[in-house]
N, C-alpha and C. Protein backbone atom coordinates (compact mmCIF):
# COMPACT_ATOMS: atom_id res chain seq x y z
N MET A 1 39.88 -22.65 19.35
CA MET A 1 39.75 -22.00 20.64
C MET A 1 38.72 -22.75 21.47
N GLN A 2 39.09 -23.08 22.69
CA GLN A 2 38.19 -23.85 23.54
C GLN A 2 37.20 -22.94 24.24
N THR A 3 35.95 -23.38 24.22
CA THR A 3 34.90 -22.67 24.93
C THR A 3 35.02 -22.99 26.42
N GLN A 4 34.89 -21.99 27.23
CA GLN A 4 34.91 -22.22 28.67
C GLN A 4 33.65 -22.97 29.07
N VAL A 5 33.82 -23.85 30.02
CA VAL A 5 32.68 -24.61 30.52
C VAL A 5 32.49 -24.30 31.99
N PRO A 6 31.27 -24.38 32.46
CA PRO A 6 31.06 -24.13 33.88
C PRO A 6 31.75 -25.20 34.72
N THR A 7 32.16 -24.84 35.91
CA THR A 7 32.83 -25.77 36.81
C THR A 7 31.89 -26.88 37.25
N THR A 8 30.64 -26.54 37.47
CA THR A 8 29.64 -27.52 37.91
C THR A 8 28.47 -27.49 36.94
N ILE A 9 28.00 -28.67 36.58
CA ILE A 9 26.91 -28.80 35.63
C ILE A 9 25.78 -29.56 36.30
N ASP A 10 24.65 -28.90 36.48
CA ASP A 10 23.48 -29.58 37.04
C ASP A 10 22.80 -30.37 35.93
N THR A 11 22.28 -31.53 36.26
CA THR A 11 21.59 -32.36 35.27
C THR A 11 20.12 -32.46 35.63
N ALA A 12 19.35 -32.99 34.69
CA ALA A 12 17.93 -33.20 34.92
C ALA A 12 17.67 -34.46 35.75
N ILE A 13 18.71 -35.23 36.02
CA ILE A 13 18.57 -36.45 36.81
C ILE A 13 18.70 -36.07 38.28
N ALA A 14 17.69 -36.36 39.05
CA ALA A 14 17.67 -35.99 40.46
C ALA A 14 18.89 -36.58 41.17
N GLY A 15 19.61 -35.72 41.85
CA GLY A 15 20.76 -36.15 42.63
C GLY A 15 22.05 -36.28 41.85
N LEU A 16 22.04 -36.03 40.53
CA LEU A 16 23.25 -36.16 39.71
C LEU A 16 23.79 -34.79 39.34
N GLN A 17 25.07 -34.63 39.60
CA GLN A 17 25.77 -33.41 39.25
C GLN A 17 27.08 -33.80 38.57
N LEU A 18 27.41 -33.10 37.50
CA LEU A 18 28.69 -33.26 36.83
C LEU A 18 29.54 -32.05 37.17
N ARG A 19 30.84 -32.29 37.31
CA ARG A 19 31.73 -31.15 37.56
C ARG A 19 33.09 -31.43 37.00
N LEU A 20 33.77 -30.38 36.64
CA LEU A 20 35.14 -30.51 36.17
C LEU A 20 36.03 -30.86 37.35
N ALA A 21 36.91 -31.80 37.13
CA ALA A 21 37.81 -32.22 38.20
C ALA A 21 38.84 -31.14 38.50
N THR A 22 39.30 -31.16 39.74
CA THR A 22 40.37 -30.28 40.18
C THR A 22 41.51 -31.15 40.67
N VAL A 23 42.63 -30.54 40.97
CA VAL A 23 43.78 -31.29 41.44
C VAL A 23 43.45 -32.07 42.72
N ALA A 24 42.54 -31.57 43.52
CA ALA A 24 42.14 -32.27 44.75
C ALA A 24 41.43 -33.59 44.45
N ASP A 25 40.96 -33.77 43.21
CA ASP A 25 40.24 -34.98 42.82
C ASP A 25 41.15 -36.09 42.32
N VAL A 26 42.43 -35.85 42.25
CA VAL A 26 43.36 -36.85 41.70
C VAL A 26 43.22 -38.21 42.38
N PRO A 27 43.14 -38.31 43.70
CA PRO A 27 42.97 -39.65 44.30
C PRO A 27 41.71 -40.36 43.81
N GLN A 28 40.61 -39.63 43.65
CA GLN A 28 39.37 -40.24 43.15
C GLN A 28 39.52 -40.66 41.69
N ILE A 29 40.17 -39.83 40.89
CA ILE A 29 40.39 -40.17 39.48
C ILE A 29 41.18 -41.47 39.38
N LEU A 30 42.24 -41.59 40.19
CA LEU A 30 43.03 -42.82 40.18
C LEU A 30 42.19 -44.01 40.61
N GLN A 31 41.33 -43.84 41.59
CA GLN A 31 40.45 -44.94 42.00
C GLN A 31 39.54 -45.38 40.86
N PHE A 32 39.00 -44.42 40.12
CA PHE A 32 38.15 -44.76 38.98
C PHE A 32 38.96 -45.46 37.88
N ILE A 33 40.17 -45.00 37.63
CA ILE A 33 41.03 -45.65 36.63
C ILE A 33 41.29 -47.10 37.03
N GLN A 34 41.60 -47.32 38.29
CA GLN A 34 41.86 -48.68 38.75
C GLN A 34 40.60 -49.55 38.68
N ALA A 35 39.45 -49.00 39.00
CA ALA A 35 38.19 -49.75 38.91
C ALA A 35 37.87 -50.09 37.46
N LEU A 36 38.10 -49.15 36.55
CA LEU A 36 37.89 -49.41 35.13
C LEU A 36 38.83 -50.51 34.65
N ALA A 37 40.07 -50.45 35.04
CA ALA A 37 41.05 -51.47 34.64
C ALA A 37 40.65 -52.84 35.18
N ASP A 38 40.15 -52.90 36.40
CA ASP A 38 39.66 -54.17 36.95
C ASP A 38 38.52 -54.70 36.09
N TYR A 39 37.56 -53.84 35.75
CA TYR A 39 36.41 -54.24 34.95
C TYR A 39 36.86 -54.76 33.57
N GLU A 40 37.85 -54.09 32.98
CA GLU A 40 38.32 -54.46 31.65
C GLU A 40 39.37 -55.57 31.68
N LYS A 41 39.65 -56.10 32.89
CA LYS A 41 40.63 -57.17 33.06
C LYS A 41 42.02 -56.72 32.61
N LEU A 42 42.35 -55.47 32.90
CA LEU A 42 43.62 -54.88 32.50
C LEU A 42 44.36 -54.24 33.68
N ALA A 43 44.03 -54.66 34.89
CA ALA A 43 44.61 -54.04 36.09
C ALA A 43 46.13 -54.09 36.09
N ASP A 44 46.68 -55.14 35.50
CA ASP A 44 48.15 -55.28 35.49
C ASP A 44 48.83 -54.22 34.62
N GLN A 45 48.07 -53.50 33.82
CA GLN A 45 48.65 -52.50 32.93
C GLN A 45 48.64 -51.09 33.52
N VAL A 46 48.01 -50.90 34.66
CA VAL A 46 47.92 -49.56 35.26
C VAL A 46 49.22 -49.22 35.97
N VAL A 47 49.88 -48.20 35.48
CA VAL A 47 51.08 -47.68 36.14
C VAL A 47 50.87 -46.23 36.58
N ALA A 48 49.68 -45.72 36.37
CA ALA A 48 49.35 -44.35 36.77
C ALA A 48 49.50 -44.22 38.28
N THR A 49 49.98 -43.06 38.70
CA THR A 49 50.08 -42.72 40.11
C THR A 49 49.43 -41.36 40.31
N GLU A 50 49.16 -41.02 41.54
CA GLU A 50 48.60 -39.70 41.82
C GLU A 50 49.54 -38.61 41.31
N GLN A 51 50.84 -38.79 41.51
CA GLN A 51 51.82 -37.79 41.08
C GLN A 51 51.79 -37.62 39.55
N LYS A 52 51.75 -38.74 38.81
CA LYS A 52 51.71 -38.65 37.35
C LYS A 52 50.41 -37.99 36.88
N LEU A 53 49.30 -38.34 37.50
CA LEU A 53 48.03 -37.73 37.12
C LEU A 53 48.02 -36.24 37.42
N GLN A 54 48.54 -35.87 38.58
CA GLN A 54 48.58 -34.45 38.94
C GLN A 54 49.38 -33.67 37.90
N GLN A 55 50.51 -34.22 37.49
CA GLN A 55 51.37 -33.54 36.52
C GLN A 55 50.72 -33.47 35.14
N THR A 56 50.15 -34.56 34.66
CA THR A 56 49.65 -34.59 33.28
C THR A 56 48.24 -34.03 33.11
N LEU A 57 47.47 -34.00 34.20
CA LEU A 57 46.12 -33.44 34.11
C LEU A 57 46.03 -32.00 34.61
N PHE A 58 46.92 -31.63 35.54
CA PHE A 58 46.80 -30.31 36.17
C PHE A 58 48.12 -29.54 36.21
N GLY A 59 49.15 -30.06 35.56
CA GLY A 59 50.45 -29.39 35.54
C GLY A 59 50.47 -28.23 34.56
N ASP A 60 51.67 -27.73 34.28
CA ASP A 60 51.83 -26.59 33.38
C ASP A 60 51.23 -26.86 32.00
N LYS A 61 51.33 -28.09 31.54
CA LYS A 61 50.72 -28.47 30.26
C LYS A 61 49.77 -29.63 30.53
N ALA A 62 48.51 -29.32 30.62
CA ALA A 62 47.49 -30.34 30.85
C ALA A 62 47.22 -31.06 29.53
N PHE A 63 47.30 -32.38 29.57
CA PHE A 63 47.11 -33.17 28.35
C PHE A 63 45.70 -33.71 28.20
N ALA A 64 44.90 -33.63 29.24
CA ALA A 64 43.54 -34.15 29.19
C ALA A 64 42.69 -33.40 30.21
N GLU A 65 41.38 -33.62 30.10
CA GLU A 65 40.43 -33.03 31.03
C GLU A 65 39.58 -34.15 31.61
N VAL A 66 39.00 -33.90 32.77
CA VAL A 66 38.19 -34.91 33.44
C VAL A 66 36.89 -34.27 33.92
N VAL A 67 35.79 -34.97 33.64
CA VAL A 67 34.49 -34.60 34.21
C VAL A 67 34.13 -35.70 35.19
N LEU A 68 33.79 -35.29 36.40
CA LEU A 68 33.37 -36.24 37.43
C LEU A 68 31.86 -36.19 37.59
N ALA A 69 31.28 -37.35 37.82
CA ALA A 69 29.85 -37.44 38.12
C ALA A 69 29.71 -37.74 39.60
N GLU A 70 28.82 -37.02 40.26
CA GLU A 70 28.51 -37.28 41.66
C GLU A 70 27.02 -37.53 41.76
N PHE A 71 26.67 -38.62 42.39
CA PHE A 71 25.27 -38.97 42.58
C PHE A 71 24.96 -38.93 44.06
N GLN A 72 24.01 -38.09 44.42
CA GLN A 72 23.63 -37.88 45.82
C GLN A 72 24.87 -37.58 46.67
N GLY A 73 25.76 -36.74 46.12
CA GLY A 73 26.93 -36.28 46.83
C GLY A 73 28.10 -37.25 46.88
N GLN A 74 27.97 -38.41 46.25
CA GLN A 74 29.03 -39.42 46.26
C GLN A 74 29.63 -39.60 44.87
N PRO A 75 30.94 -39.89 44.78
CA PRO A 75 31.55 -40.13 43.47
C PRO A 75 30.83 -41.28 42.75
N ALA A 76 30.48 -41.04 41.49
CA ALA A 76 29.71 -42.03 40.74
C ALA A 76 30.40 -42.48 39.45
N GLY A 77 31.22 -41.64 38.87
CA GLY A 77 31.88 -41.99 37.62
C GLY A 77 32.69 -40.84 37.07
N PHE A 78 33.33 -41.11 35.94
CA PHE A 78 34.14 -40.07 35.33
C PHE A 78 34.26 -40.27 33.82
N ALA A 79 34.62 -39.19 33.14
CA ALA A 79 34.97 -39.21 31.73
C ALA A 79 36.27 -38.44 31.60
N LEU A 80 37.27 -39.10 31.03
CA LEU A 80 38.57 -38.47 30.79
C LEU A 80 38.70 -38.33 29.28
N PHE A 81 38.99 -37.12 28.82
CA PHE A 81 39.01 -36.84 27.38
C PHE A 81 40.08 -35.82 27.04
N PHE A 82 40.38 -35.74 25.75
CA PHE A 82 41.33 -34.75 25.25
C PHE A 82 40.98 -34.42 23.81
N HIS A 83 41.59 -33.36 23.31
CA HIS A 83 41.34 -32.96 21.93
C HIS A 83 42.27 -33.69 20.97
N ASN A 84 41.70 -34.08 19.84
CA ASN A 84 42.48 -34.58 18.72
C ASN A 84 42.18 -33.65 17.55
N TYR A 85 42.57 -34.06 16.35
CA TYR A 85 42.37 -33.18 15.21
C TYR A 85 42.08 -34.01 13.96
N SER A 86 41.12 -33.56 13.17
CA SER A 86 40.80 -34.20 11.91
C SER A 86 41.31 -33.34 10.77
N THR A 87 42.27 -33.88 10.02
CA THR A 87 42.77 -33.14 8.86
C THR A 87 41.71 -33.06 7.77
N PHE A 88 40.89 -34.09 7.63
CA PHE A 88 39.85 -34.08 6.60
C PHE A 88 38.81 -33.01 6.88
N LEU A 89 38.45 -32.84 8.15
CA LEU A 89 37.46 -31.83 8.53
C LEU A 89 38.09 -30.47 8.81
N ALA A 90 39.41 -30.46 9.03
CA ALA A 90 40.12 -29.26 9.45
C ALA A 90 39.48 -28.68 10.71
N LYS A 91 39.20 -29.61 11.65
CA LYS A 91 38.56 -29.22 12.91
C LYS A 91 39.11 -30.09 14.04
N PRO A 92 39.07 -29.54 15.24
CA PRO A 92 39.41 -30.38 16.38
C PRO A 92 38.28 -31.36 16.64
N GLY A 93 38.60 -32.36 17.43
CA GLY A 93 37.60 -33.32 17.90
C GLY A 93 37.85 -33.59 19.36
N ILE A 94 36.97 -34.34 19.95
CA ILE A 94 37.17 -34.78 21.33
C ILE A 94 37.30 -36.30 21.29
N TYR A 95 38.35 -36.78 21.94
CA TYR A 95 38.55 -38.22 22.08
C TYR A 95 38.29 -38.60 23.53
N LEU A 96 37.32 -39.45 23.71
CA LEU A 96 36.98 -39.95 25.05
C LEU A 96 37.87 -41.14 25.34
N GLU A 97 38.82 -40.96 26.23
CA GLU A 97 39.75 -42.03 26.57
C GLU A 97 39.11 -43.03 27.52
N ASP A 98 38.45 -42.54 28.54
CA ASP A 98 37.83 -43.43 29.52
C ASP A 98 36.49 -42.89 29.97
N LEU A 99 35.52 -43.80 30.06
CA LEU A 99 34.22 -43.51 30.64
C LEU A 99 33.94 -44.64 31.61
N PHE A 100 33.64 -44.29 32.85
CA PHE A 100 33.39 -45.31 33.86
C PHE A 100 32.32 -44.83 34.82
N VAL A 101 31.40 -45.73 35.12
CA VAL A 101 30.37 -45.49 36.13
C VAL A 101 30.45 -46.63 37.13
N ASP A 102 30.41 -46.29 38.40
CA ASP A 102 30.41 -47.29 39.46
C ASP A 102 29.34 -48.33 39.16
N PRO A 103 29.70 -49.62 39.14
CA PRO A 103 28.72 -50.66 38.79
C PRO A 103 27.44 -50.61 39.63
N ALA A 104 27.55 -50.20 40.88
CA ALA A 104 26.37 -50.13 41.75
C ALA A 104 25.42 -49.02 41.33
N LEU A 105 25.90 -48.08 40.52
CA LEU A 105 25.08 -46.94 40.12
C LEU A 105 24.70 -46.95 38.64
N ARG A 106 25.01 -48.02 37.96
CA ARG A 106 24.66 -48.10 36.54
C ARG A 106 23.15 -48.21 36.37
N GLY A 107 22.67 -47.74 35.24
CA GLY A 107 21.24 -47.80 34.95
C GLY A 107 20.48 -46.57 35.43
N LYS A 108 21.18 -45.59 35.96
CA LYS A 108 20.54 -44.37 36.45
C LYS A 108 20.70 -43.20 35.48
N GLY A 109 21.36 -43.43 34.35
CA GLY A 109 21.57 -42.37 33.37
C GLY A 109 22.86 -41.61 33.54
N ILE A 110 23.74 -42.07 34.42
CA ILE A 110 24.99 -41.36 34.69
C ILE A 110 25.93 -41.42 33.48
N GLY A 111 26.10 -42.60 32.91
CA GLY A 111 26.96 -42.73 31.72
C GLY A 111 26.44 -41.90 30.57
N LYS A 112 25.13 -41.93 30.37
CA LYS A 112 24.52 -41.14 29.30
C LYS A 112 24.74 -39.65 29.56
N ALA A 113 24.61 -39.23 30.80
CA ALA A 113 24.83 -37.81 31.12
C ALA A 113 26.27 -37.41 30.82
N LEU A 114 27.22 -38.27 31.18
CA LEU A 114 28.63 -37.95 30.92
C LEU A 114 28.91 -37.84 29.42
N ILE A 115 28.48 -38.83 28.66
CA ILE A 115 28.83 -38.83 27.23
C ILE A 115 28.05 -37.78 26.45
N THR A 116 26.81 -37.53 26.82
CA THR A 116 26.06 -36.48 26.12
C THR A 116 26.57 -35.09 26.50
N TYR A 117 27.11 -34.97 27.72
CA TYR A 117 27.77 -33.71 28.08
C TYR A 117 28.98 -33.48 27.18
N LEU A 118 29.75 -34.54 26.94
CA LEU A 118 30.91 -34.39 26.05
C LEU A 118 30.47 -34.02 24.64
N ALA A 119 29.36 -34.57 24.18
CA ALA A 119 28.83 -34.19 22.87
C ALA A 119 28.46 -32.70 22.86
N THR A 120 27.85 -32.24 23.94
CA THR A 120 27.51 -30.82 24.06
C THR A 120 28.76 -29.96 24.05
N LEU A 121 29.78 -30.42 24.76
CA LEU A 121 31.05 -29.71 24.80
C LEU A 121 31.70 -29.68 23.42
N ALA A 122 31.63 -30.80 22.69
CA ALA A 122 32.20 -30.85 21.34
C ALA A 122 31.50 -29.85 20.42
N VAL A 123 30.20 -29.75 20.52
CA VAL A 123 29.45 -28.79 19.72
C VAL A 123 29.84 -27.37 20.12
N ALA A 124 29.91 -27.09 21.41
CA ALA A 124 30.26 -25.75 21.89
C ALA A 124 31.67 -25.35 21.46
N ARG A 125 32.58 -26.32 21.36
CA ARG A 125 33.96 -26.04 20.98
C ARG A 125 34.17 -26.15 19.47
N ASP A 126 33.09 -26.28 18.72
CA ASP A 126 33.13 -26.39 17.26
C ASP A 126 33.99 -27.56 16.80
N CYS A 127 33.84 -28.68 17.47
CA CYS A 127 34.56 -29.88 17.09
C CYS A 127 33.81 -30.60 15.97
N GLY A 128 34.54 -31.33 15.17
CA GLY A 128 33.93 -32.06 14.08
C GLY A 128 33.41 -33.43 14.47
N ARG A 129 33.91 -33.96 15.62
CA ARG A 129 33.46 -35.29 16.03
C ARG A 129 33.85 -35.59 17.46
N LEU A 130 33.18 -36.59 17.98
CA LEU A 130 33.47 -37.17 19.29
C LEU A 130 33.74 -38.65 19.02
N GLU A 131 34.89 -39.12 19.47
CA GLU A 131 35.29 -40.50 19.19
C GLU A 131 35.77 -41.20 20.45
N TRP A 132 35.71 -42.53 20.41
CA TRP A 132 36.24 -43.35 21.49
C TRP A 132 36.38 -44.77 20.98
N SER A 133 37.05 -45.60 21.75
CA SER A 133 37.20 -47.02 21.44
C SER A 133 36.46 -47.83 22.48
N VAL A 134 36.12 -49.06 22.11
CA VAL A 134 35.46 -49.96 23.05
C VAL A 134 36.02 -51.36 22.79
N LEU A 135 36.23 -52.09 23.85
CA LEU A 135 36.72 -53.46 23.71
C LEU A 135 35.66 -54.31 23.02
N ASP A 136 36.10 -55.19 22.12
CA ASP A 136 35.14 -55.95 21.31
C ASP A 136 34.29 -56.92 22.11
N TRP A 137 34.70 -57.28 23.31
CA TRP A 137 33.92 -58.20 24.15
C TRP A 137 32.91 -57.48 25.04
N ASN A 138 32.99 -56.16 25.09
CA ASN A 138 32.16 -55.40 26.02
C ASN A 138 30.81 -55.05 25.38
N GLN A 139 29.99 -56.07 25.19
CA GLN A 139 28.71 -55.90 24.50
C GLN A 139 27.77 -54.92 25.21
N PRO A 140 27.72 -54.91 26.56
CA PRO A 140 26.85 -53.90 27.19
C PRO A 140 27.25 -52.46 26.81
N ALA A 141 28.55 -52.18 26.73
CA ALA A 141 29.01 -50.84 26.34
C ALA A 141 28.70 -50.59 24.87
N ILE A 142 28.94 -51.58 24.02
CA ILE A 142 28.66 -51.43 22.59
C ILE A 142 27.18 -51.11 22.39
N ASP A 143 26.32 -51.87 23.05
CA ASP A 143 24.87 -51.64 22.93
C ASP A 143 24.50 -50.24 23.42
N PHE A 144 25.09 -49.82 24.53
CA PHE A 144 24.84 -48.49 25.09
C PHE A 144 25.24 -47.41 24.09
N TYR A 145 26.45 -47.51 23.55
CA TYR A 145 26.93 -46.50 22.61
C TYR A 145 26.08 -46.46 21.35
N GLN A 146 25.71 -47.62 20.84
CA GLN A 146 24.88 -47.66 19.64
C GLN A 146 23.49 -47.08 19.91
N SER A 147 22.97 -47.26 21.13
CA SER A 147 21.66 -46.69 21.47
C SER A 147 21.69 -45.17 21.44
N LEU A 148 22.89 -44.60 21.59
CA LEU A 148 23.03 -43.14 21.54
C LEU A 148 23.30 -42.63 20.13
N GLY A 149 23.45 -43.55 19.17
CA GLY A 149 23.69 -43.15 17.80
C GLY A 149 25.11 -43.34 17.32
N ALA A 150 25.99 -43.89 18.15
CA ALA A 150 27.38 -44.11 17.75
C ALA A 150 27.45 -45.16 16.65
N VAL A 151 28.40 -44.99 15.76
CA VAL A 151 28.63 -45.92 14.66
C VAL A 151 29.99 -46.59 14.87
N MET A 152 30.00 -47.92 14.84
CA MET A 152 31.26 -48.66 14.95
C MET A 152 31.99 -48.58 13.61
N LEU A 153 33.25 -48.22 13.64
CA LEU A 153 34.06 -48.11 12.43
C LEU A 153 34.84 -49.41 12.23
N HIS A 154 34.26 -50.35 11.52
CA HIS A 154 34.87 -51.67 11.36
C HIS A 154 36.05 -51.67 10.40
N ASP A 155 36.19 -50.64 9.59
CA ASP A 155 37.29 -50.59 8.63
C ASP A 155 38.59 -50.07 9.25
N TRP A 156 38.52 -49.56 10.46
CA TRP A 156 39.69 -48.96 11.09
C TRP A 156 40.23 -49.88 12.17
N ARG A 157 41.54 -49.89 12.35
CA ARG A 157 42.19 -50.68 13.39
C ARG A 157 43.11 -49.75 14.18
N ILE A 158 43.11 -49.91 15.48
CA ILE A 158 43.97 -49.10 16.34
C ILE A 158 45.39 -49.65 16.26
N ASN A 159 46.34 -48.76 16.14
CA ASN A 159 47.76 -49.12 16.18
C ASN A 159 48.36 -48.48 17.41
N ARG A 160 49.27 -49.20 18.05
CA ARG A 160 49.86 -48.69 19.29
C ARG A 160 51.32 -49.12 19.37
N VAL A 161 52.15 -48.19 19.80
CA VAL A 161 53.56 -48.46 20.06
C VAL A 161 53.85 -47.93 21.45
N THR A 162 54.40 -48.77 22.34
CA THR A 162 54.67 -48.36 23.72
C THR A 162 56.02 -48.89 24.18
N GLY A 163 56.42 -48.42 25.34
CA GLY A 163 57.58 -48.95 26.04
C GLY A 163 58.83 -49.03 25.19
N GLU A 164 59.50 -50.17 25.25
CA GLU A 164 60.77 -50.38 24.55
C GLU A 164 60.60 -50.24 23.04
N THR A 165 59.47 -50.70 22.51
CA THR A 165 59.23 -50.58 21.07
C THR A 165 59.13 -49.12 20.66
N LEU A 166 58.51 -48.30 21.49
CA LEU A 166 58.44 -46.87 21.22
C LEU A 166 59.85 -46.27 21.20
N GLN A 167 60.66 -46.67 22.16
CA GLN A 167 62.06 -46.19 22.21
C GLN A 167 62.81 -46.61 20.94
N GLN A 168 62.62 -47.85 20.51
CA GLN A 168 63.30 -48.34 19.30
C GLN A 168 62.82 -47.60 18.06
N MET A 169 61.53 -47.32 18.00
CA MET A 169 61.02 -46.57 16.84
C MET A 169 61.61 -45.18 16.82
N ALA A 170 61.66 -44.52 17.97
CA ALA A 170 62.22 -43.17 18.03
C ALA A 170 63.69 -43.16 17.63
N ALA A 171 64.41 -44.21 17.94
CA ALA A 171 65.83 -44.30 17.61
C ALA A 171 66.06 -44.41 16.09
N GLN A 172 65.00 -44.74 15.35
CA GLN A 172 65.13 -44.86 13.90
C GLN A 172 65.05 -43.53 13.17
N PHE A 173 64.75 -42.46 13.92
CA PHE A 173 64.64 -41.15 13.30
C PHE A 173 66.00 -40.75 12.72
N PRO A 174 66.01 -40.37 11.44
CA PRO A 174 67.30 -40.01 10.80
C PRO A 174 67.74 -38.61 11.22
N ALA A 175 68.46 -38.53 12.31
CA ALA A 175 68.89 -37.22 12.82
C ALA A 175 70.14 -36.74 12.12
């Protein structure tokens, strides 16, 4: 059972406020996704649209949640996350899909506020863990995460099936 969270979260950082995104924030969320993709050199992979985000984040079945950071009243960053599940722990977890802070506003504690808020949310929702992935070349992010106590899981590898390969795999189901 998910614990309700306040719509707006005041932080101890002067001028920083976190808030849960609403459907009106979809254009800003897409801008952050595109900026993150540019930073990660993956812009060619973004096919998200405002319509798709509206449907999957705020439609009848929301698949993820978004926390927006605003610094001095301006959009500063976001964290997009969803619940996963650990069979070993028999508990839900939170998976942080994307964390992004406007490069001009980095170093002000915004990223730390976003990720530590998610940790607080995980504890409040009785989750067993908070997890995310990081690109192996992104040393500033790796250093940041490790400074917060994150442990890199070197024994695990991400597997992914998309597009036509996903369709081909699904076709192998013995119906």
